[in-house]
Structures are given as C-alpha cells and as structure tokens.
C-alpha atoms as a PDB file:
ATOM      1  CA  MET A   1      21.187  73.044-148.967  1.00  0.00           C
ATOM      2  CA  ARG A   2      17.484  71.351-148.892  1.00  0.00           C
ATOM      3  CA  TYR A   3      18.599  69.132-146.070  1.00  0.00           C
ATOM      4  CA  ARG A   4      20.397  71.833-144.195  1.00  0.00           C
ATOM      5  CA  ALA A   5      16.642  73.544-144.705  1.00  0.00           C
ATOM      6  CA  ASN A   6      15.124  70.704-142.747  1.00  0.00           C
ATOM      7  CA  LEU A   7      17.110  70.921-139.881  1.00  0.00           C
ATOM      8  CA  ARG A   8      16.894  74.617-139.494  1.00  0.00           C
ATOM      9  CA  ALA A   9      12.699  73.781-140.107  1.00  0.00           C
ATOM     10  CA  LEU A  10      13.246  71.524-136.833  1.00  0.00           C
ATOM     11  CA  LEU A  11      14.314  74.375-134.993  1.00  0.00           C
ATOM     12  CA  PRO A  12      11.102  76.053-133.839  1.00  0.00           C
ATOM     13  CA  ALA A  13       9.609  72.433-132.783  1.00  0.00           C
ATOM     14  CA  LEU A  14      12.651  71.937-129.908  1.00  0.00           C
ATOM     15  CA  LEU A  15      11.239  75.665-128.132  1.00  0.00           C
ATOM     16  CA  LEU A  16       9.592  74.765-124.856  1.00  0.00           C
ATOM     17  CA  LEU A  17       7.140  77.206-125.302  1.00  0.00           C
ATOM     18  CA  THR A  18       6.902  78.595-122.411  1.00  0.00           C
ATOM     19  CA  GLY A  19       9.746  81.299-123.389  1.00  0.00           C
ATOM     20  CA  ALA A  20      12.764  79.584-122.251  1.00  0.00           C
ATOM     21  CA  ALA A  21      15.615  79.071-124.573  1.00  0.00           C
ATOM     22  CA  PRO A  22      15.584  76.458-127.198  1.00  0.00           C
ATOM     23  CA  SER A  23      16.302  72.741-125.682  1.00  0.00           C
ATOM     24  CA  PRO A  24      19.634  71.235-126.828  1.00  0.00           C
ATOM     25  CA  PRO A  25      18.642  68.142-129.540  1.00  0.00           C
ATOM     26  CA  ALA A  26      18.750  64.939-127.860  1.00  0.00           C
ATOM     27  CA  PHE A  27      18.900  62.412-130.907  1.00  0.00           C
ATOM     28  CA  ASP A  28      20.735  62.673-134.649  1.00  0.00           C
ATOM     29  CA  LEU A  29      19.381  60.774-137.206  1.00  0.00           C
ATOM     30  CA  VAL A  30      20.310  59.862-140.602  1.00  0.00           C
ATOM     31  CA  ALA A  31      17.402  59.010-143.203  1.00  0.00           C
ATOM     32  CA  LEU A  32      19.444  56.292-145.462  1.00  0.00           C
ATOM     33  CA  GLY A  33      16.206  55.273-147.041  1.00  0.00           C
ATOM     34  CA  VAL A  34      12.335  56.581-146.909  1.00  0.00           C
ATOM     35  CA  ASN A  35      10.581  54.591-149.518  1.00  0.00           C
ATOM     36  CA  GLY A  36       8.002  52.328-149.218  1.00  0.00           C
ATOM     37  CA  GLY A  37       7.499  49.281-151.158  1.00  0.00           C
ATOM     38  CA  VAL A  38       9.141  48.578-154.475  1.00  0.00           C
ATOM     39  CA  GLU A  39      11.455  51.829-155.044  1.00  0.00           C
ATOM     40  CA  GLU A  40      14.880  51.949-153.713  1.00  0.00           C
ATOM     41  CA  PRO A  41      15.924  53.240-150.840  1.00  0.00           C
ATOM     42  CA  THR A  42      13.732  51.553-148.702  1.00  0.00           C
ATOM     43  CA  SER A  43      12.965  52.290-144.651  1.00  0.00           C
ATOM     44  CA  ALA A  44      16.290  52.724-142.870  1.00  0.00           C
ATOM     45  CA  TYR A  45      16.881  55.249-139.850  1.00  0.00           C
ATOM     46  CA  HIS A  46      20.497  55.454-138.351  1.00  0.00           C
ATOM     47  CA  ILE A  47      20.014  56.929-135.034  1.00  0.00           C
ATOM     48  CA  LYS A  48      21.737  58.091-132.395  1.00  0.00           C
ATOM     49  CA  ALA A  49      21.909  60.055-128.758  1.00  0.00           C
ATOM     50  CA  HIS A  50      23.122  63.274-129.826  1.00  0.00           C
ATOM     51  CA  GLY A  51      26.562  63.619-130.040  1.00  0.00           C
ATOM     52  CA  ALA A  52      27.302  60.011-129.572  1.00  0.00           C
ATOM     53  CA  SER A  53      30.081  58.040-131.261  1.00  0.00           C
ATOM     54  CA  SER A  54      27.726  54.934-131.646  1.00  0.00           C
ATOM     55  CA  GLY A  55      24.033  54.161-132.545  1.00  0.00           C
ATOM     56  CA  VAL A  56      21.241  51.752-133.711  1.00  0.00           C
ATOM     57  CA  MET A  57      19.393  51.541-136.915  1.00  0.00           C
ATOM     58  CA  CYS A  58      15.518  51.094-136.672  1.00  0.00           C
ATOM     59  CA  ASP A  59      15.124  49.055-139.643  1.00  0.00           C
ATOM     60  CA  VAL A  60      17.007  48.636-142.492  1.00  0.00           C
ATOM     61  CA  GLY A  61      15.563  48.356-145.992  1.00  0.00           C
ATOM     62  CA  THR A  62      19.089  49.564-147.284  1.00  0.00           C
ATOM     63  CA  LEU A  63      22.330  49.806-145.792  1.00  0.00           C
ATOM     64  CA  ALA A  64      25.410  49.702-147.527  1.00  0.00           C
ATOM     65  CA  ALA A  65      23.999  51.894-150.461  1.00  0.00           C
ATOM     66  CA  GLY A  66      22.606  54.233-147.699  1.00  0.00           C
ATOM     67  CA  ILE A  67      25.530  55.118-146.386  1.00  0.00           C
ATOM     68  CA  GLU A  68      27.187  55.656-149.625  1.00  0.00           C
ATOM     69  CA  GLN A  69      24.827  58.144-150.629  1.00  0.00           C
ATOM     70  CA  ALA A  70      24.276  59.540-147.618  1.00  0.00           C
ATOM     71  CA  ARG A  71      28.167  60.248-147.350  1.00  0.00           C
ATOM     72  CA  ARG A  72      28.074  61.793-150.827  1.00  0.00           C
ATOM     73  CA  ARG A  73      25.892  64.470-149.708  1.00  0.00           C
ATOM     74  CA  GLY A  74      28.130  65.049-146.419  1.00  0.00           C
ATOM     75  CA  ARG A  75      26.899  63.198-143.895  1.00  0.00           C
ATOM     76  CA  TYR A  76      29.415  61.296-141.811  1.00  0.00           C
ATOM     77  CA  PRO A  77      32.320  63.521-142.501  1.00  0.00           C
ATOM     78  CA  ASN A  78      34.774  61.897-139.705  1.00  0.00           C
ATOM     79  CA  ALA A  79      34.254  58.491-141.102  1.00  0.00           C
ATOM     80  CA  ALA A  80      36.956  57.195-143.634  1.00  0.00           C
ATOM     81  CA  SER A  81      34.670  54.261-144.980  1.00  0.00           C
ATOM     82  CA  ARG A  82      31.793  52.923-145.433  1.00  0.00           C
ATOM     83  CA  GLU A  83      32.827  49.918-143.335  1.00  0.00           C
ATOM     84  CA  GLU A  84      33.339  52.635-140.428  1.00  0.00           C
ATOM     85  CA  VAL A  85      29.911  53.672-140.410  1.00  0.00           C
ATOM     86  CA  MET A  86      28.715  50.193-140.147  1.00  0.00           C
ATOM     87  CA  THR A  87      30.734  49.600-137.311  1.00  0.00           C
ATOM     88  CA  SER A  88      29.410  52.524-135.331  1.00  0.00           C
ATOM     89  CA  ILE A  89      26.079  50.880-135.687  1.00  0.00           C
ATOM     90  CA  SER A  90      25.596  48.737-132.659  1.00  0.00           C
ATOM     91  CA  ALA A  91      22.899  47.110-133.043  1.00  0.00           C
ATOM     92  CA  TYR A  92      19.331  46.450-135.624  1.00  0.00           C
ATOM     93  CA  LEU A  93      15.726  47.068-134.230  1.00  0.00           C
ATOM     94  CA  ILE A  94      13.749  45.656-136.792  1.00  0.00           C
ATOM     95  CA  THR A  95      10.179  46.808-136.755  1.00  0.00           C
ATOM     96  CA  HIS A  96       8.785  43.605-138.619  1.00  0.00           C
ATOM     97  CA  ALA A  97      10.454  40.953-141.621  1.00  0.00           C
ATOM     98  CA  HIS A  98       9.236  42.476-144.890  1.00  0.00           C
ATOM     99  CA  LEU A  99      11.654  42.432-147.507  1.00  0.00           C
ATOM    100  CA  ASP A 100      11.565  46.697-147.480  1.00  0.00           C
ATOM    101  CA  HIS A 101      12.608  46.538-144.102  1.00  0.00           C
ATOM    102  CA  VAL A 102      15.524  44.075-143.836  1.00  0.00           C
ATOM    103  CA  ALA A 103      17.202  43.582-147.372  1.00  0.00           C
ATOM    104  CA  GLY A 104      19.870  46.181-146.394  1.00  0.00           C
ATOM    105  CA  LEU A 105      20.633  43.705-143.930  1.00  0.00           C
ATOM    106  CA  VAL A 106      20.707  41.103-145.339  1.00  0.00           C
ATOM    107  CA  LEU A 107      22.610  41.940-148.288  1.00  0.00           C
ATOM    108  CA  ALA A 108      25.141  43.711-145.838  1.00  0.00           C
ATOM    109  CA  SER A 109      25.416  40.614-143.009  1.00  0.00           C
ATOM    110  CA  PRO A 110      28.805  39.069-145.631  1.00  0.00           C
ATOM    111  CA  ASN A 111      30.937  42.210-144.198  1.00  0.00           C
ATOM    112  CA  ASP A 112      29.227  43.172-141.024  1.00  0.00           C
ATOM    113  CA  THR A 113      30.778  43.238-137.551  1.00  0.00           C
ATOM    114  CA  LYS A 114      29.338  41.322-134.955  1.00  0.00           C
ATOM    115  CA  LYS A 115      25.804  43.094-133.697  1.00  0.00           C
ATOM    116  CA  ASP A 116      22.370  42.538-131.981  1.00  0.00           C
ATOM    117  CA  ILE A 117      19.037  41.894-133.425  1.00  0.00           C
ATOM    118  CA  MET A 118      16.213  43.801-131.379  1.00  0.00           C
ATOM    119  CA  ALA A 119      12.837  42.855-132.271  1.00  0.00           C
ATOM    120  CA  LEU A 120       9.846  41.343-130.802  1.00  0.00           C
ATOM    121  CA  ALA A 121      10.014  37.759-130.916  1.00  0.00           C
ATOM    122  CA  PRO A 122       8.070  36.843-134.001  1.00  0.00           C
ATOM    123  CA  VAL A 123      10.183  39.149-135.796  1.00  0.00           C
ATOM    124  CA  ASN A 124      13.279  37.837-135.147  1.00  0.00           C
ATOM    125  CA  GLN A 125      11.993  34.241-136.177  1.00  0.00           C
ATOM    126  CA  ALA A 126      10.480  35.098-139.087  1.00  0.00           C
ATOM    127  CA  LEU A 127      14.539  36.567-139.840  1.00  0.00           C
ATOM    128  CA  ALA A 128      15.670  33.417-138.386  1.00  0.00           C
ATOM    129  CA  ASP A 129      13.407  30.898-140.677  1.00  0.00           C
ATOM    130  CA  HIS A 130      12.877  32.719-143.977  1.00  0.00           C
ATOM    131  CA  TYR A 131      16.099  34.786-144.423  1.00  0.00           C
ATOM    132  CA  PHE A 132      19.146  33.474-142.457  1.00  0.00           C
ATOM    133  CA  ASN A 133      18.348  29.994-143.127  1.00  0.00           C
ATOM    134  CA  TRP A 134      20.957  28.546-145.845  1.00  0.00           C
ATOM    135  CA  SER A 135      18.091  28.666-148.504  1.00  0.00           C
ATOM    136  CA  VAL A 136      18.014  32.619-148.916  1.00  0.00           C
ATOM    137  CA  TRP A 137      21.218  33.292-147.616  1.00  0.00           C
ATOM    138  CA  PRO A 138      24.022  31.546-145.071  1.00  0.00           C
ATOM    139  CA  ASN A 139      22.404  31.930-141.664  1.00  0.00           C
ATOM    140  CA  MET A 140      23.981  34.754-140.178  1.00  0.00           C
ATOM    141  CA  GLY A 141      22.569  34.312-136.801  1.00  0.00           C
ATOM    142  CA  ASP A 142      22.675  32.220-133.402  1.00  0.00           C
ATOM    143  CA  ARG A 143      19.614  30.048-134.031  1.00  0.00           C
ATOM    144  CA  GLY A 144      18.257  28.206-136.678  1.00  0.00           C
ATOM    145  CA  ALA A 145      19.695  26.155-139.391  1.00  0.00           C
ATOM    146  CA  SER A 146      23.199  24.839-138.986  1.00  0.00           C
ATOM    147  CA  PRO A 147      25.847  25.653-138.936  1.00  0.00           C
ATOM    148  CA  ARG A 148      25.069  29.008-137.383  1.00  0.00           C
ATOM    149  CA  LEU A 149      27.440  31.424-137.896  1.00  0.00           C
ATOM    150  CA  ALA A 150      26.690  33.673-135.130  1.00  0.00           C
ATOM    151  CA  GLN A 151      27.479  37.156-136.146  1.00  0.00           C
ATOM    152  CA  TYR A 152      23.829  38.233-135.504  1.00  0.00           C
ATOM    153  CA  HIS A 153      22.951  37.747-131.966  1.00  0.00           C
ATOM    154  CA  TYR A 154      18.897  37.545-131.895  1.00  0.00           C
ATOM    155  CA  ARG A 155      17.496  39.691-128.811  1.00  0.00           C
ATOM    156  CA  ASP A 156      13.652  38.667-128.182  1.00  0.00           C
ATOM    157  CA  LEU A 157      11.902  41.835-126.714  1.00  0.00           C
ATOM    158  CA  GLU A 158       9.537  41.544-123.980  1.00  0.00           C
ATOM    159  CA  ALA A 159       6.725  44.018-125.278  1.00  0.00           C
ATOM    160  CA  GLY A 160       6.938  47.338-122.628  1.00  0.00           C
ATOM    161  CA  LEU A 161      10.068  46.774-120.901  1.00  0.00           C
ATOM    162  CA  PRO A 162      12.735  48.890-121.568  1.00  0.00           C
ATOM    163  CA  THR A 163      15.934  47.382-122.649  1.00  0.00           C
ATOM    164  CA  PRO A 164      19.311  48.574-122.824  1.00  0.00           C
ATOM    165  CA  ILE A 165      21.044  48.954-126.184  1.00  0.00           C
ATOM    166  CA  PRO A 166      24.597  47.606-125.881  1.00  0.00           C
ATOM    167  CA  GLY A 167      27.309  49.818-127.137  1.00  0.00           C
ATOM    168  CA  THR A 168      24.974  52.685-126.553  1.00  0.00           C
ATOM    169  CA  ALA A 169      23.483  55.056-123.287  1.00  0.00           C
ATOM    170  CA  MET A 170      19.997  54.080-124.655  1.00  0.00           C
ATOM    171  CA  THR A 171      17.666  51.944-124.344  1.00  0.00           C
ATOM    172  CA  VAL A 172      14.283  50.821-125.923  1.00  0.00           C
ATOM    173  CA  THR A 173      10.894  50.157-125.299  1.00  0.00           C
ATOM    174  CA  ALA A 174       8.456  47.801-128.229  1.00  0.00           C
ATOM    175  CA  TYR A 175       5.157  47.776-128.809  1.00  0.00           C
ATOM    176  CA  PRO A 176       2.979  45.676-131.082  1.00  0.00           C
ATOM    177  CA  LEU A 177       1.279  47.568-134.146  1.00  0.00           C
ATOM    178  CA  SER A 178      -1.229  45.629-136.210  1.00  0.00           C
ATOM    179  CA  HIS A 179      -0.081  45.792-140.446  1.00  0.00           C
ATOM    180  CA  ALA A 180      -2.638  43.542-142.053  1.00  0.00           C
ATOM    181  CA  GLY A 181      -1.917  40.293-140.064  1.00  0.00           C
ATOM    182  CA  SER A 182       1.947  40.412-139.594  1.00  0.00           C
ATOM    183  CA  PRO A 183       3.407  41.567-136.870  1.00  0.00           C
ATOM    184  CA  SER A 184       4.771  45.072-136.759  1.00  0.00           C
ATOM    185  CA  THR A 185       6.577  47.148-133.844  1.00  0.00           C
ATOM    186  CA  ALA A 186       6.825  51.206-132.705  1.00  0.00           C
ATOM    187  CA  PHE A 187      10.325  51.657-130.585  1.00  0.00           C
ATOM    188  CA  LEU A 188      10.292  54.220-128.194  1.00  0.00           C
ATOM    189  CA  LEU A 189      14.136  54.761-127.775  1.00  0.00           C
ATOM    190  CA  ARG A 190      15.025  56.779-124.613  1.00  0.00           C
ATOM    191  CA  SER A 191      18.636  58.796-123.978  1.00  0.00           C
ATOM    192  CA  GLY A 192      18.225  59.962-120.197  1.00  0.00           C
ATOM    193  CA  GLN A 193      14.825  61.811-120.113  1.00  0.00           C
ATOM    194  CA  ASP A 194      14.166  62.298-123.739  1.00  0.00           C
ATOM    195  CA  ALA A 195      12.573  60.298-126.094  1.00  0.00           C
ATOM    196  CA  LEU A 196      12.364  59.596-129.468  1.00  0.00           C
ATOM    197  CA  LEU A 197       9.129  57.439-131.355  1.00  0.00           C
ATOM    198  CA  CYS A 198       9.497  54.820-134.586  1.00  0.00           C
ATOM    199  CA  LEU A 199       6.641  53.597-135.871  1.00  0.00           C
ATOM    200  CA  GLY A 200       7.056  50.563-137.924  1.00  0.00           C
ATOM    201  CA  ASP A 201       4.200  49.892-141.288  1.00  0.00           C
ATOM    202  CA  THR A 202       0.546  50.338-139.366  1.00  0.00           C
ATOM    203  CA  GLY A 203      -2.895  50.272-140.272  1.00  0.00           C
ATOM    204  CA  PRO A 204      -5.259  52.940-138.618  1.00  0.00           C
ATOM    205  CA  ASP A 205      -7.032  50.760-135.804  1.00  0.00           C
ATOM    206  CA  ALA A 206     -10.701  51.370-136.990  1.00  0.00           C
ATOM    207  CA  VAL A 207      -9.607  49.457-140.008  1.00  0.00           C
ATOM    208  CA  GLU A 208      -7.314  46.894-138.016  1.00  0.00           C
ATOM    209  CA  GLY A 209     -10.230  46.506-135.691  1.00  0.00           C
ATOM    210  CA  ALA A 210      -7.296  46.734-133.267  1.00  0.00           C
ATOM    211  CA  THR A 211      -6.477  49.378-130.121  1.00  0.00           C
ATOM    212  CA  ARG A 212      -2.420  49.061-130.943  1.00  0.00           C
ATOM    213  CA  LEU A 213      -2.195  52.689-131.684  1.00  0.00           C
ATOM    214  CA  ASN A 214      -4.647  53.749-129.066  1.00  0.00           C
ATOM    215  CA  GLU A 215      -2.234  51.937-126.480  1.00  0.00           C
ATOM    216  CA  LEU A 216       0.863  53.885-127.712  1.00  0.00           C
ATOM    217  CA  TRP A 217      -0.348  57.614-127.487  1.00  0.00           C
ATOM    218  CA  ARG A 218      -1.538  56.380-124.091  1.00  0.00           C
ATOM    219  CA  ALA A 219       2.011  54.710-123.299  1.00  0.00           C
ATOM    220  CA  VAL A 220       3.756  58.142-125.057  1.00  0.00           C
ATOM    221  CA  ALA A 221       1.318  61.075-124.127  1.00  0.00           C
ATOM    222  CA  PRO A 222       3.116  61.920-120.418  1.00  0.00           C
ATOM    223  CA  MET A 223       6.071  62.496-122.773  1.00  0.00           C
ATOM    224  CA  ALA A 224       4.659  64.803-125.285  1.00  0.00           C
ATOM    225  CA  ARG A 225       3.219  66.390-122.315  1.00  0.00           C
ATOM    226  CA  GLU A 226       5.982  67.446-120.833  1.00  0.00           C
ATOM    227  CA  GLY A 227       8.200  68.270-124.233  1.00  0.00           C
ATOM    228  CA  ARG A 228      10.336  65.300-123.707  1.00  0.00           C
ATOM    229  CA  LEU A 229       9.088  63.415-126.876  1.00  0.00           C
ATOM    230  CA  ARG A 230      11.431  64.561-129.190  1.00  0.00           C
ATOM    231  CA  GLY A 231       9.668  63.204-132.608  1.00  0.00           C
ATOM    232  CA  ILE A 232       7.288  60.309-133.988  1.00  0.00           C
ATOM    233  CA  LEU A 233       8.659  58.936-137.209  1.00  0.00           C
ATOM    234  CA  ILE A 234       5.356  57.397-138.803  1.00  0.00           C
ATOM    235  CA  GLU A 235       4.316  56.331-142.402  1.00  0.00           C
ATOM    236  CA  ALA A 236       1.688  57.591-144.516  1.00  0.00           C
ATOM    237  CA  SER A 237       2.247  55.512-147.715  1.00  0.00           C
ATOM    238  CA  TYR A 238      -0.462  56.720-150.094  1.00  0.00           C
ATOM    239  CA  PRO A 239      -2.107  59.780-151.030  1.00  0.00           C
ATOM    240  CA  ASP A 240      -5.278  60.195-150.403  1.00  0.00           C
ATOM    241  CA  PRO A 241      -7.819  58.805-151.048  1.00  0.00           C
ATOM    242  CA  VAL A 242      -7.943  54.637-150.798  1.00  0.00           C
ATOM    243  CA  PRO A 243     -10.678  52.398-150.452  1.00  0.00           C
ATOM    244  CA  ASP A 244     -10.323  51.117-146.436  1.00  0.00           C
ATOM    245  CA  ALA A 245     -10.016  47.490-147.570  1.00  0.00           C
ATOM    246  CA  ARG A 246      -6.638  48.615-149.594  1.00  0.00           C
ATOM    247  CA  LEU A 247      -4.570  50.293-147.339  1.00  0.00           C
ATOM    248  CA  TYR A 248      -2.955  46.540-146.867  1.00  0.00           C
ATOM    249  CA  GLY A 249      -1.865  47.515-142.951  1.00  0.00           C
ATOM    250  CA  HIS A 250      -0.886  51.509-143.500  1.00  0.00           C
ATOM    251  CA  LEU A 251      -1.857  55.136-143.665  1.00  0.00           C
ATOM    252  CA  THR A 252      -2.935  57.735-145.752  1.00  0.00           C
ATOM    253  CA  PRO A 253      -2.574  61.507-144.786  1.00  0.00           C
ATOM    254  CA  SER A 254      -6.105  61.467-144.041  1.00  0.00           C
ATOM    255  CA  TRP A 255      -5.835  58.258-141.182  1.00  0.00           C
ATOM    256  CA  LEU A 256      -2.393  59.657-140.295  1.00  0.00           C
ATOM    257  CA  GLY A 257      -4.086  62.804-139.159  1.00  0.00           C
ATOM    258  CA  LYS A 258      -7.096  61.120-137.287  1.00  0.00           C
ATOM    259  CA  GLU A 259      -4.623  59.004-135.545  1.00  0.00           C
ATOM    260  CA  LEU A 260      -2.561  62.012-134.474  1.00  0.00           C
ATOM    261  CA  GLN A 261      -6.070  63.741-133.293  1.00  0.00           C
ATOM    262  CA  ALA A 262      -6.441  60.969-131.292  1.00  0.00           C
ATOM    263  CA  LEU A 263      -2.891  61.744-129.389  1.00  0.00           C
ATOM    264  CA  ARG A 264      -3.487  65.166-129.516  1.00  0.00           C
ATOM    265  CA  GLY A 265      -6.692  64.858-127.399  1.00  0.00           C
ATOM    266  CA  MET A 266      -4.417  62.660-124.525  1.00  0.00           C
ATOM    267  CA  VAL A 267      -2.002  65.490-124.204  1.00  0.00           C
ATOM    268  CA  GLY A 268      -4.088  68.021-124.080  1.00  0.00           C
ATOM    269  CA  ASP A 269      -1.445  71.087-124.679  1.00  0.00           C
ATOM    270  CA  ASP A 270      -2.127  71.709-128.115  1.00  0.00           C
ATOM    271  CA  ALA A 271       0.899  74.235-128.027  1.00  0.00           C
ATOM    272  CA  ARG A 272       3.207  70.958-127.531  1.00  0.00           C
ATOM    273  CA  MET A 273       1.501  68.972-129.592  1.00  0.00           C
ATOM    274  CA  LYS A 274       1.859  71.493-132.533  1.00  0.00           C
ATOM    275  CA  ALA A 275       5.590  72.236-131.994  1.00  0.00           C
ATOM    276  CA  LEU A 276       6.138  67.722-131.712  1.00  0.00           C
ATOM    277  CA  PRO A 277       7.931  66.718-135.157  1.00  0.00           C
ATOM    278  CA  ILE A 278       6.122  64.533-136.890  1.00  0.00           C
ATOM    279  CA  LEU A 279       8.316  62.450-139.212  1.00  0.00           C
ATOM    280  CA  VAL A 280       6.443  61.410-142.502  1.00  0.00           C
ATOM    281  CA  THR A 281       8.255  58.540-144.765  1.00  0.00           C
ATOM    282  CA  HIS A 282       7.362  54.941-146.351  1.00  0.00           C
ATOM    283  CA  ILE A 283       5.508  56.958-148.923  1.00  0.00           C
ATOM    284  CA  LYS A 284       5.231  54.775-152.125  1.00  0.00           C
ATOM    285  CA  PRO A 285       5.053  55.199-155.616  1.00  0.00           C
ATOM    286  CA  SER A 286       2.264  55.820-157.129  1.00  0.00           C
ATOM    287  CA  GLY A 287       2.417  56.964-160.747  1.00  0.00           C
ATOM    288  CA  THR A 288       5.834  58.284-159.926  1.00  0.00           C
ATOM    289  CA  SER A 289       7.722  58.528-156.657  1.00  0.00           C
ATOM    290  CA  ARG A 290       8.115  61.943-156.843  1.00  0.00           C
ATOM    291  CA  SER A 291       4.223  62.457-157.772  1.00  0.00           C
ATOM    292  CA  SER A 292       3.248  60.652-154.567  1.00  0.00           C
ATOM    293  CA  ARG A 293       5.609  62.575-152.542  1.00  0.00           C
ATOM    294  CA  ALA A 294       4.405  65.812-153.816  1.00  0.00           C
ATOM    295  CA  ALA A 295       0.598  64.754-153.301  1.00  0.00           C
ATOM    296  CA  VAL A 296       1.096  63.880-150.027  1.00  0.00           C
ATOM    297  CA  ARG A 297       2.979  66.775-148.836  1.00  0.00           C
ATOM    298  CA  ARG A 298       0.081  68.822-150.185  1.00  0.00           C
ATOM    299  CA  GLN A 299      -2.598  66.401-148.069  1.00  0.00           C
ATOM    300  CA  LEU A 300      -0.711  66.573-145.140  1.00  0.00           C
ATOM    301  CA  GLN A 301      -0.118  70.560-145.063  1.00  0.00           C
ATOM    302  CA  ASP A 302      -4.087  70.531-145.669  1.00  0.00           C
ATOM    303  CA  LEU A 303      -4.274  68.879-142.573  1.00  0.00           C
ATOM    304  CA  GLY A 304      -2.725  72.091-140.863  1.00  0.00           C
ATOM    305  CA  PHE A 305      -2.138  72.284-137.192  1.00  0.00           C
ATOM    306  CA  PHE A 306       0.648  69.582-136.546  1.00  0.00           C
ATOM    307  CA  ASN A 307       4.368  69.520-137.896  1.00  0.00           C
ATOM    308  CA  PHE A 308       4.885  67.398-140.943  1.00  0.00           C
ATOM    309  CA  ILE A 309       8.509  66.860-141.985  1.00  0.00           C
ATOM    310  CA  ILE A 310       8.875  64.558-144.853  1.00  0.00           C
ATOM    311  CA  LEU A 311      12.194  62.752-144.511  1.00  0.00           C
ATOM    312  CA  GLU A 312      14.543  62.779-147.422  1.00  0.00           C
ATOM    313  CA  GLN A 313      16.539  59.803-148.791  1.00  0.00           C
ATOM    314  CA  GLY A 314      20.164  61.386-147.020  1.00  0.00           C
ATOM    315  CA  GLY A 315      18.985  63.974-144.884  1.00  0.00           C
ATOM    316  CA  GLU A 316      20.360  64.516-141.093  1.00  0.00           C
ATOM    317  CA  TYR A 317      17.793  66.030-138.476  1.00  0.00           C
ATOM    318  CA  ALA A 318      18.552  66.909-135.220  1.00  0.00           C
ATOM    319  CA  LEU A 319      16.092  66.339-132.553  1.00  0.00           C
END
C-alpha cells in the first residue's frame, strides 16, 4: 500500500501548472535497490518508456534478488519468471564501477542474455580490468582477458552525445560527475520530448573543486522550464551534519538543497521547479538504516520547497 501511496504522491508533480490536464506519464521506474554502501539492496533502477516492454537498468548494485523482492510486492505482474524480467532489460547503464553499483550485474551474468553495457570509457575499462577478468569473475565481456565470452558488449559513451539505446525507443546522454576522484556519471534518458535524469554518486561542486553539477544543471534547466524533465534521481548518502572532508564524494540533505537551489535559479520558474519530482536514493546506514532514512527524510522536509520523494525498495513510480 505504501508504494501505491508513493505513486499517488507523484501525480501533483505531473500537472502542467497552467490549468491544463495532467500530463500522461513518460517513464516507468521500479526501484530494485535503493541503499548506498554496505547494506543491500544497493543502487539499481529499472526504467522503461511508459508502457514499453523493454527498458534499461541504471546501475545494477542488485539484480536477481531485487527482481524477486519486487515480484513479491506485486511488480512485473505480466512476467512469468525472474528470467523473463531480465530478458526485458535491453542494456545496462553504469554510472561508476564501485561495487555497490555493479555487484548485481556481475553475480547475475552467467544467467543473463546478451546485452550492451553503456558507460563512459573509464567506467567500462574498470569493469573489464577489475571484475570480468578471469580472476574475480569469468570474462563475460568482449574486451580484456581471454577467452572473452562476449555476452556483454562494452559501448563507450561520449560525454554530451545522445546515443540510442538498443531494443528501446529511448536515447541516453552521459554527463561526467565528480566523486572523490572516481569517474561517475549522470544519465539523461530521453523518450520523445520527455526526459528523466539519473545521477550516480556525486559530491557537491564546492567540495569537489569542480563544476560538473553546474554544467549538468545548465544542460537540463531548459527541459525543466518546459515541463519536459519528469524527474531527477539523486543521492543523499548521509544525514547532516557531516564534515566536508568526510563526504567522500557524496551529498547530504543540506548540500543537495544547495545544489538544487542552483538549478532553481537557472530554471527561473518556481512553479515548474516545485513540481519536479526529486527522487532521493543511496542513503547509507548510520546506526541503523531505518534511523538514517528517517533523519534524511526529516532534514529534506525541513528544507521545504522541493518535491522530495525518497525511493523505496520495490516501489514503482510513473513519471
């Protein structure tokens, strides 16, 4: 029942605030894993164009177990098995190669079907060098150590260039993020004129000494202004307060609020910005995962203005 409530909570964000009727959903998202760090199920989001039969995973910290948990909660009613759900995944979008974002992909690979792994070149290279290398795991890819089983085709994305996603009607554009020295990525998914923005782990520009988020906000602000950006999936790893030196390339609610205020200024339309769903994820355990989530939820509510929605494992969201 909680997940249906979450879905209903999104409906006001789909109103075009000009008195027009609600816009129909453009994307369907099932959260297979929502946690960061040591506690499973970790980051994994199954995304399709609304009503489509095939889609993508944005990060794969969990896969098989996440699908089974989602099925137990009533997701995928038309799929006869976990394998059928996996077959409906046309490609994997990997933001970065940290274990809590790729473990499900590695573990499920022997039972998977042929797919593309779409990522920035350094991320794909890390997968080939450090996971699919015949030392950690058999080489399921088409580069790296021999023999190459070539179940997965590495497709290196060029930053800022829209790229069609095989087996879907969507495109993806990759934008680099700063994550304490590790390459990370934001993926802008487009379905027709509509878009969904999925960020991997990222620190705030001011702490990272970078401009990556500022550049990303400038790229997506026109879509938000036009009501075509259907949601932003972004982390808030720790409750406040955390010293900047211990963020390790992550956001807290206060830093997330500051970054979103920068985007708000670029959008220049408070009604649009207030309606935009901000899908918060990657909360790390601190004491207990429940206490961390409660603290992050409370601190986000205290920020006011923004339409924060904390993703729940197994939750289904129409955007």
